Amino acid sequence: MRQPVQVTASRTPTPVQTARILLTAVAISHLVVPLVMELNRSTLRDQIAAQHPEFGAAEVGRSTTIAVTSGAAFHGILLVLCALLVWKLATGRPWTRRLTTVSQLLSVVFSVVSWSSSPMFHTTIPIISAAQILTVVLLWFPPTAREFFANRS
């Protein structure tokens, strides 16, 4: 007698899988932002000069370099963190959900600094922030996600 084929669904619930996809998109944005800043260095320089007319050319140049370098460092750290969390969320360990929550909500808060510093990313900041907030919601509110993390504590 032939046994019916049993289809095994992924053990990671759909809300957590979706959160991982969103987190992947956020990670990609952390890769793209410094590249865009570097490629648009002259625009950034012009924005700094307009915001600080008291700066001389050398100071504007230094400020531009600082902005690009600090942006690359900050977003590089967040890129690595997001990649780690995308990988680790599938384990269902409660610390991964907590760290994802804290990091994504802090990133939303930090995006206010980016918003006020330059209009360069005004189009993308709300989209990425929405993805970060939705990631947190998907990890905490659907019952399947709560059970997934509760079962692995």
N, C-alpha and C. Protein backbone atom coordinates (compact mmCIF):
# COMPACT_ATOMS: atom_id res chain seq x y z
N MET A 1 0.84 -1.17 0.00
CA MET A 1 0.00 0.00 0.00
C MET A 1 0.89 1.23 0.00
N ARG A 2 0.56 2.11 -0.84
CA ARG A 2 1.35 3.32 -1.01
C ARG A 2 0.92 4.36 0.02
N GLN A 3 1.91 4.95 0.69
CA GLN A 3 1.65 6.01 1.67
C GLN A 3 1.47 7.34 0.94
N PRO A 4 0.54 8.17 1.40
CA PRO A 4 0.38 9.47 0.75
C PRO A 4 1.63 10.33 0.97
N VAL A 5 1.94 11.08 -0.04
CA VAL A 5 3.09 11.98 0.05
C VAL A 5 2.72 13.11 0.99
N GLN A 6 3.57 13.32 1.96
CA GLN A 6 3.31 14.38 2.92
C GLN A 6 4.11 15.61 2.51
N VAL A 7 3.40 16.69 2.30
CA VAL A 7 4.04 17.94 1.93
C VAL A 7 4.40 18.66 3.23
N THR A 8 5.68 18.94 3.39
CA THR A 8 6.14 19.61 4.59
C THR A 8 6.31 21.09 4.29
N ALA A 9 5.50 21.90 4.94
CA ALA A 9 5.62 23.35 4.77
C ALA A 9 6.84 23.82 5.55
N SER A 10 7.31 24.96 5.16
CA SER A 10 8.42 25.56 5.88
C SER A 10 8.04 25.74 7.33
N ARG A 11 9.00 25.50 8.22
CA ARG A 11 8.71 25.66 9.64
C ARG A 11 8.70 27.12 10.04
N THR A 12 9.19 27.99 9.20
CA THR A 12 9.18 29.42 9.49
C THR A 12 7.85 29.98 9.01
N PRO A 13 7.07 30.58 9.92
CA PRO A 13 5.76 31.08 9.51
C PRO A 13 5.86 32.21 8.49
N THR A 14 4.82 32.36 7.72
CA THR A 14 4.77 33.36 6.66
C THR A 14 5.09 34.78 7.15
N PRO A 15 4.55 35.24 8.29
CA PRO A 15 4.90 36.60 8.72
C PRO A 15 6.41 36.78 8.95
N VAL A 16 7.06 35.75 9.48
CA VAL A 16 8.51 35.84 9.72
C VAL A 16 9.26 35.79 8.39
N GLN A 17 8.80 34.96 7.47
CA GLN A 17 9.42 34.93 6.14
C GLN A 17 9.28 36.29 5.45
N THR A 18 8.12 36.89 5.57
CA THR A 18 7.90 38.21 4.96
C THR A 18 8.78 39.26 5.63
N ALA A 19 8.90 39.19 6.95
CA ALA A 19 9.78 40.12 7.66
C ALA A 19 11.22 39.97 7.18
N ARG A 20 11.65 38.76 6.94
CA ARG A 20 13.01 38.53 6.44
C ARG A 20 13.20 39.12 5.04
N ILE A 21 12.18 39.04 4.22
CA ILE A 21 12.25 39.64 2.87
C ILE A 21 12.35 41.16 2.99
N LEU A 22 11.51 41.74 3.86
CA LEU A 22 11.56 43.19 4.06
C LEU A 22 12.92 43.61 4.61
N LEU A 23 13.44 42.83 5.54
CA LEU A 23 14.75 43.14 6.12
C LEU A 23 15.86 43.04 5.07
N THR A 24 15.70 42.14 4.13
CA THR A 24 16.65 42.04 3.01
C THR A 24 16.60 43.32 2.18
N ALA A 25 15.41 43.82 1.93
CA ALA A 25 15.28 45.08 1.18
C ALA A 25 15.90 46.25 1.95
N VAL A 26 15.71 46.26 3.26
CA VAL A 26 16.32 47.30 4.09
C VAL A 26 17.84 47.18 4.02
N ALA A 27 18.35 45.96 4.07
CA ALA A 27 19.81 45.74 3.98
C ALA A 27 20.34 46.28 2.66
N ILE A 28 19.63 46.01 1.59
CA ILE A 28 20.05 46.51 0.27
C ILE A 28 20.07 48.03 0.27
N SER A 29 19.10 48.65 0.93
CA SER A 29 19.09 50.11 0.98
C SER A 29 20.32 50.64 1.71
N HIS A 30 20.78 49.90 2.73
CA HIS A 30 21.99 50.31 3.45
C HIS A 30 23.24 50.17 2.59
N LEU A 31 23.18 49.34 1.58
CA LEU A 31 24.27 49.23 0.62
C LEU A 31 24.20 50.37 -0.40
N VAL A 32 22.99 50.70 -0.82
CA VAL A 32 22.80 51.68 -1.88
C VAL A 32 23.05 53.12 -1.41
N VAL A 33 22.64 53.45 -0.20
CA VAL A 33 22.74 54.84 0.28
C VAL A 33 24.16 55.39 0.18
N PRO A 34 25.18 54.72 0.71
CA PRO A 34 26.53 55.29 0.58
C PRO A 34 27.01 55.41 -0.87
N LEU A 35 26.59 54.46 -1.70
CA LEU A 35 26.96 54.53 -3.12
C LEU A 35 26.34 55.77 -3.77
N VAL A 36 25.08 56.02 -3.47
CA VAL A 36 24.40 57.20 -4.02
C VAL A 36 25.06 58.47 -3.50
N MET A 37 25.41 58.47 -2.22
CA MET A 37 26.09 59.64 -1.66
C MET A 37 27.42 59.89 -2.38
N GLU A 38 28.17 58.85 -2.62
CA GLU A 38 29.46 59.00 -3.31
C GLU A 38 29.25 59.46 -4.75
N LEU A 39 28.29 58.87 -5.43
CA LEU A 39 28.03 59.24 -6.83
C LEU A 39 27.49 60.66 -6.96
N ASN A 40 26.82 61.14 -5.90
CA ASN A 40 26.26 62.49 -5.92
C ASN A 40 27.01 63.43 -4.97
N ARG A 41 28.28 63.21 -4.88
CA ARG A 41 29.12 64.01 -3.98
C ARG A 41 29.00 65.51 -4.28
N SER A 42 28.94 65.87 -5.55
CA SER A 42 28.85 67.30 -5.88
C SER A 42 27.52 67.89 -5.43
N THR A 43 26.45 67.13 -5.52
CA THR A 43 25.15 67.60 -5.03
C THR A 43 25.20 67.77 -3.52
N LEU A 44 25.81 66.83 -2.86
CA LEU A 44 25.96 66.90 -1.40
C LEU A 44 26.80 68.12 -1.02
N ARG A 45 27.86 68.33 -1.77
CA ARG A 45 28.73 69.50 -1.53
C ARG A 45 27.92 70.79 -1.68
N ASP A 46 27.11 70.87 -2.72
CA ASP A 46 26.28 72.07 -2.95
C ASP A 46 25.27 72.27 -1.82
N GLN A 47 24.70 71.18 -1.32
CA GLN A 47 23.74 71.29 -0.22
C GLN A 47 24.42 71.78 1.05
N ILE A 48 25.60 71.28 1.32
CA ILE A 48 26.34 71.72 2.52
C ILE A 48 26.71 73.19 2.39
N ALA A 49 27.15 73.59 1.20
CA ALA A 49 27.50 75.01 0.98
C ALA A 49 26.28 75.91 1.15
N ALA A 50 25.11 75.45 0.69
CA ALA A 50 23.89 76.26 0.82
C ALA A 50 23.44 76.35 2.28
N GLN A 51 23.60 75.26 3.03
CA GLN A 51 23.20 75.26 4.44
C GLN A 51 24.18 76.02 5.33
N HIS A 52 25.41 76.13 4.88
CA HIS A 52 26.46 76.78 5.68
C HIS A 52 27.23 77.77 4.81
N PRO A 53 26.63 78.90 4.48
CA PRO A 53 27.32 79.87 3.61
C PRO A 53 28.60 80.43 4.24
N GLU A 54 28.76 80.29 5.55
CA GLU A 54 29.96 80.79 6.21
C GLU A 54 31.17 79.88 5.97
N PHE A 55 30.94 78.66 5.47
CA PHE A 55 32.04 77.73 5.20
C PHE A 55 32.78 78.14 3.93
N GLY A 56 34.09 78.05 3.99
CA GLY A 56 34.90 78.23 2.79
C GLY A 56 34.90 76.93 1.99
N ALA A 57 35.52 76.99 0.81
CA ALA A 57 35.55 75.82 -0.08
C ALA A 57 36.22 74.62 0.59
N ALA A 58 37.29 74.86 1.32
CA ALA A 58 38.00 73.74 1.98
C ALA A 58 37.11 73.10 3.04
N GLU A 59 36.42 73.92 3.81
CA GLU A 59 35.55 73.39 4.87
C GLU A 59 34.36 72.62 4.27
N VAL A 60 33.82 73.12 3.17
CA VAL A 60 32.73 72.40 2.49
C VAL A 60 33.24 71.06 1.99
N GLY A 61 34.44 71.04 1.43
CA GLY A 61 35.04 69.79 0.95
C GLY A 61 35.25 68.79 2.08
N ARG A 62 35.78 69.27 3.22
CA ARG A 62 35.98 68.39 4.38
C ARG A 62 34.64 67.87 4.90
N SER A 63 33.65 68.76 4.96
CA SER A 63 32.33 68.36 5.46
C SER A 63 31.69 67.31 4.54
N THR A 64 31.89 67.47 3.26
CA THR A 64 31.37 66.50 2.30
C THR A 64 32.03 65.14 2.50
N THR A 65 33.34 65.14 2.66
CA THR A 65 34.07 63.89 2.90
C THR A 65 33.62 63.23 4.19
N ILE A 66 33.44 64.03 5.23
CA ILE A 66 32.97 63.49 6.51
C ILE A 66 31.57 62.89 6.35
N ALA A 67 30.69 63.59 5.63
CA ALA A 67 29.33 63.09 5.44
C ALA A 67 29.33 61.76 4.69
N VAL A 68 30.12 61.67 3.63
CA VAL A 68 30.16 60.43 2.84
C VAL A 68 30.80 59.30 3.64
N THR A 69 31.89 59.59 4.33
CA THR A 69 32.59 58.56 5.10
C THR A 69 31.74 58.08 6.27
N SER A 70 31.16 59.01 7.02
CA SER A 70 30.33 58.59 8.16
C SER A 70 29.07 57.87 7.68
N GLY A 71 28.52 58.30 6.56
CA GLY A 71 27.36 57.60 5.99
C GLY A 71 27.70 56.18 5.60
N ALA A 72 28.89 56.00 4.99
CA ALA A 72 29.31 54.66 4.59
C ALA A 72 29.54 53.77 5.82
N ALA A 73 30.16 54.31 6.85
CA ALA A 73 30.41 53.53 8.07
C ALA A 73 29.11 53.15 8.74
N PHE A 74 28.23 54.12 8.94
CA PHE A 74 26.96 53.89 9.62
C PHE A 74 26.12 52.86 8.85
N HIS A 75 25.96 53.09 7.54
CA HIS A 75 25.13 52.17 6.75
C HIS A 75 25.82 50.82 6.56
N GLY A 76 27.14 50.79 6.58
CA GLY A 76 27.85 49.52 6.51
C GLY A 76 27.56 48.65 7.73
N ILE A 77 27.58 49.27 8.90
CA ILE A 77 27.26 48.53 10.14
C ILE A 77 25.82 48.02 10.08
N LEU A 78 24.91 48.87 9.65
CA LEU A 78 23.50 48.45 9.57
C LEU A 78 23.28 47.38 8.51
N LEU A 79 24.05 47.42 7.43
CA LEU A 79 23.98 46.38 6.40
C LEU A 79 24.37 45.03 6.99
N VAL A 80 25.48 45.00 7.71
CA VAL A 80 25.93 43.75 8.33
C VAL A 80 24.91 43.25 9.35
N LEU A 81 24.40 44.16 10.17
CA LEU A 81 23.40 43.78 11.17
C LEU A 81 22.15 43.22 10.52
N CYS A 82 21.64 43.89 9.49
CA CYS A 82 20.44 43.38 8.81
C CYS A 82 20.69 42.02 8.18
N ALA A 83 21.85 41.83 7.56
CA ALA A 83 22.17 40.54 6.95
C ALA A 83 22.22 39.44 8.02
N LEU A 84 22.83 39.74 9.15
CA LEU A 84 22.88 38.78 10.25
C LEU A 84 21.46 38.44 10.72
N LEU A 85 20.63 39.44 10.86
CA LEU A 85 19.26 39.21 11.34
C LEU A 85 18.41 38.44 10.34
N VAL A 86 18.59 38.71 9.05
CA VAL A 86 17.87 37.94 8.02
C VAL A 86 18.20 36.46 8.19
N TRP A 87 19.46 36.17 8.41
CA TRP A 87 19.92 34.79 8.56
C TRP A 87 19.41 34.19 9.87
N LYS A 88 19.53 34.93 10.97
CA LYS A 88 19.23 34.37 12.29
C LYS A 88 17.73 34.35 12.64
N LEU A 89 16.93 35.19 12.03
CA LEU A 89 15.49 35.19 12.37
C LEU A 89 14.85 33.83 12.12
N ALA A 90 15.33 33.10 11.16
CA ALA A 90 14.75 31.78 10.85
C ALA A 90 14.95 30.78 11.97
N THR A 91 15.87 31.06 12.89
CA THR A 91 16.08 30.15 14.01
C THR A 91 14.97 30.26 15.05
N GLY A 92 14.27 31.38 15.04
CA GLY A 92 13.19 31.58 16.00
C GLY A 92 13.65 31.93 17.40
N ARG A 93 14.91 32.24 17.56
CA ARG A 93 15.41 32.62 18.88
C ARG A 93 14.83 33.98 19.27
N PRO A 94 14.34 34.10 20.49
CA PRO A 94 13.72 35.36 20.91
C PRO A 94 14.65 36.57 20.81
N TRP A 95 15.95 36.39 21.03
CA TRP A 95 16.87 37.52 20.96
C TRP A 95 16.90 38.11 19.55
N THR A 96 16.69 37.27 18.52
CA THR A 96 16.72 37.79 17.15
C THR A 96 15.54 38.73 16.90
N ARG A 97 14.40 38.40 17.46
CA ARG A 97 13.23 39.26 17.31
C ARG A 97 13.44 40.56 18.07
N ARG A 98 13.99 40.49 19.28
CA ARG A 98 14.23 41.70 20.07
C ARG A 98 15.26 42.61 19.40
N LEU A 99 16.37 42.02 18.94
CA LEU A 99 17.40 42.82 18.28
C LEU A 99 16.88 43.43 16.98
N THR A 100 16.11 42.69 16.24
CA THR A 100 15.51 43.23 15.01
C THR A 100 14.60 44.40 15.34
N THR A 101 13.79 44.25 16.38
CA THR A 101 12.87 45.31 16.78
C THR A 101 13.63 46.57 17.17
N VAL A 102 14.60 46.43 18.04
CA VAL A 102 15.36 47.59 18.51
C VAL A 102 16.10 48.25 17.35
N SER A 103 16.78 47.46 16.54
CA SER A 103 17.59 48.03 15.45
C SER A 103 16.72 48.72 14.40
N GLN A 104 15.58 48.13 14.08
CA GLN A 104 14.76 48.73 13.04
C GLN A 104 14.04 49.99 13.54
N LEU A 105 13.59 49.97 14.78
CA LEU A 105 12.94 51.18 15.31
C LEU A 105 13.95 52.30 15.51
N LEU A 106 15.16 51.97 15.95
CA LEU A 106 16.20 53.00 16.06
C LEU A 106 16.58 53.54 14.68
N SER A 107 16.59 52.69 13.68
CA SER A 107 16.88 53.15 12.31
C SER A 107 15.83 54.14 11.83
N VAL A 108 14.58 53.88 12.19
CA VAL A 108 13.52 54.83 11.83
C VAL A 108 13.77 56.18 12.50
N VAL A 109 14.16 56.14 13.77
CA VAL A 109 14.46 57.38 14.49
C VAL A 109 15.66 58.08 13.85
N PHE A 110 16.70 57.32 13.53
CA PHE A 110 17.89 57.92 12.91
C PHE A 110 17.59 58.49 11.53
N SER A 111 16.60 57.96 10.86
CA SER A 111 16.27 58.47 9.53
C SER A 111 15.77 59.91 9.59
N VAL A 112 15.29 60.33 10.76
CA VAL A 112 14.89 61.73 10.94
C VAL A 112 16.11 62.63 10.77
N VAL A 113 17.26 62.18 11.24
CA VAL A 113 18.50 62.94 11.08
C VAL A 113 18.84 63.06 9.59
N SER A 114 18.73 61.94 8.88
CA SER A 114 19.00 61.97 7.44
C SER A 114 18.03 62.90 6.72
N TRP A 115 16.78 62.83 7.12
CA TRP A 115 15.74 63.68 6.50
C TRP A 115 16.09 65.14 6.68
N SER A 116 16.49 65.51 7.89
CA SER A 116 16.76 66.93 8.16
C SER A 116 18.11 67.38 7.61
N SER A 117 19.01 66.44 7.34
CA SER A 117 20.34 66.80 6.86
C SER A 117 20.37 67.10 5.36
N SER A 118 19.60 66.36 4.61
CA SER A 118 19.68 66.50 3.15
C SER A 118 18.38 66.01 2.51
N PRO A 119 17.94 66.70 1.46
CA PRO A 119 16.75 66.22 0.74
C PRO A 119 17.06 65.09 -0.24
N MET A 120 18.31 64.64 -0.28
CA MET A 120 18.73 63.63 -1.26
C MET A 120 17.91 62.34 -1.17
N PHE A 121 17.47 61.98 0.03
CA PHE A 121 16.76 60.71 0.20
C PHE A 121 15.32 60.89 0.67
N HIS A 122 14.75 62.06 0.45
CA HIS A 122 13.38 62.31 0.90
C HIS A 122 12.36 61.36 0.28
N THR A 123 12.63 60.87 -0.90
CA THR A 123 11.70 59.92 -1.54
C THR A 123 11.77 58.55 -0.91
N THR A 124 12.97 58.11 -0.56
CA THR A 124 13.13 56.74 -0.08
C THR A 124 12.99 56.56 1.42
N ILE A 125 13.26 57.59 2.20
CA ILE A 125 13.20 57.45 3.66
C ILE A 125 11.83 56.97 4.13
N PRO A 126 10.72 57.54 3.67
CA PRO A 126 9.42 57.03 4.14
C PRO A 126 9.15 55.58 3.73
N ILE A 127 9.62 55.19 2.57
CA ILE A 127 9.39 53.82 2.09
C ILE A 127 10.18 52.83 2.95
N ILE A 128 11.45 53.12 3.19
CA ILE A 128 12.28 52.23 4.00
C ILE A 128 11.78 52.21 5.44
N SER A 129 11.40 53.37 5.96
CA SER A 129 10.87 53.42 7.33
C SER A 129 9.60 52.59 7.46
N ALA A 130 8.74 52.65 6.46
CA ALA A 130 7.52 51.84 6.48
C ALA A 130 7.86 50.35 6.47
N ALA A 131 8.86 49.97 5.68
CA ALA A 131 9.28 48.57 5.63
C ALA A 131 9.84 48.13 6.99
N GLN A 132 10.56 49.02 7.65
CA GLN A 132 11.13 48.69 8.96
C GLN A 132 10.03 48.52 10.01
N ILE A 133 9.06 49.41 9.99
CA ILE A 133 7.95 49.32 10.95
C ILE A 133 7.12 48.07 10.67
N LEU A 134 6.87 47.79 9.40
CA LEU A 134 6.11 46.59 9.05
C LEU A 134 6.86 45.32 9.46
N THR A 135 8.18 45.33 9.35
CA THR A 135 8.99 44.20 9.80
C THR A 135 8.74 43.92 11.28
N VAL A 136 8.77 44.97 12.08
CA VAL A 136 8.54 44.82 13.53
C VAL A 136 7.13 44.30 13.79
N VAL A 137 6.14 44.85 13.10
CA VAL A 137 4.75 44.42 13.28
C VAL A 137 4.61 42.93 12.95
N LEU A 138 5.24 42.51 11.86
CA LEU A 138 5.15 41.10 11.44
C LEU A 138 5.80 40.14 12.43
N LEU A 139 6.78 40.63 13.17
CA LEU A 139 7.45 39.76 14.14
C LEU A 139 6.73 39.67 15.48
N TRP A 140 5.86 40.64 15.77
CA TRP A 140 5.23 40.67 17.10
C TRP A 140 3.73 40.40 17.11
N PHE A 141 3.01 40.74 16.06
CA PHE A 141 1.55 40.69 16.16
C PHE A 141 0.87 39.45 15.61
N PRO A 142 1.28 38.89 14.50
CA PRO A 142 0.58 37.67 14.05
C PRO A 142 0.80 36.53 15.06
N PRO A 143 -0.25 35.81 15.40
CA PRO A 143 -0.12 34.71 16.36
C PRO A 143 0.92 33.67 15.95
N THR A 144 1.03 33.39 14.66
CA THR A 144 2.01 32.38 14.23
C THR A 144 3.44 32.84 14.50
N ALA A 145 3.69 34.13 14.37
CA ALA A 145 5.03 34.66 14.66
C ALA A 145 5.31 34.61 16.17
N ARG A 146 4.31 34.99 16.96
CA ARG A 146 4.49 34.94 18.42
C ARG A 146 4.77 33.52 18.88
N GLU A 147 4.02 32.57 18.35
CA GLU A 147 4.22 31.16 18.72
C GLU A 147 5.60 30.66 18.27
N PHE A 148 6.02 31.06 17.08
CA PHE A 148 7.31 30.66 16.55
C PHE A 148 8.45 31.06 17.49
N PHE A 149 8.40 32.29 17.99
CA PHE A 149 9.46 32.75 18.87
C PHE A 149 9.27 32.21 20.29
N ALA A 150 8.04 32.02 20.72
CA ALA A 150 7.78 31.50 22.07
C ALA A 150 8.25 30.05 22.20
N ASN A 151 8.10 29.28 21.13
CA ASN A 151 8.47 27.86 21.17
C ASN A 151 9.97 27.63 21.21
N ARG A 152 10.74 28.66 20.98
CA ARG A 152 12.20 28.48 20.91
C ARG A 152 12.92 29.19 22.05
N SER A 153 12.17 29.63 23.04
CA SER A 153 12.83 30.30 24.16
C SER A 153 13.44 29.34 25.12
